[in-house]
Amino acid sequence: QVQLVESGGGLVQAGGSLRLSCAASGRTFSNYVIGWFRQAPGNEREFVAAVMRSGGSTYYADSVKGRFTISRDNAKNTVYLQMNSLKLEDTAAYYCAAARTGYGLAYVSQPGNYDYWGQGTQVTVSS
């Protein structure tokens, strides 16, 4: 079992940056695909980014490609989401999630394919 805790959210002006962290418990963290999702009020949860077990492969939603970077440090059981050039539409609660299996954008972009979820961290981008 994996427990996930997100941190790093906050209030930032448009054009600014934030780095989210997802800290995981458990000795098998490196066996999991880790994804970031976000959900704004009234909207469905949407895929943001995912990183494979070794960190060698990453996937991004088109809306964040070129602005966000996902990375992982398996020695620290932590995944990061560096968010640059933030826009108003990036405002949402951000969640990290862990999946035991899966590869490819079509698989990792689906919330239903993840086994464990964190509680979320709020990101608010102001004008």
Foldseek 3Di string as FASTA:
>chain_A
DKAWAKDWADEAAAQAKIKMKIAIDDPVLLLWKKFKWWDDPPGDIWGAKIAHSVRPDMDGDPVQPPFWDWGDDSVRRMIMIIGGRHDQVVWTWMKMFIANDDDDPVQVGDPVRTDYIYPTDTHGYHD
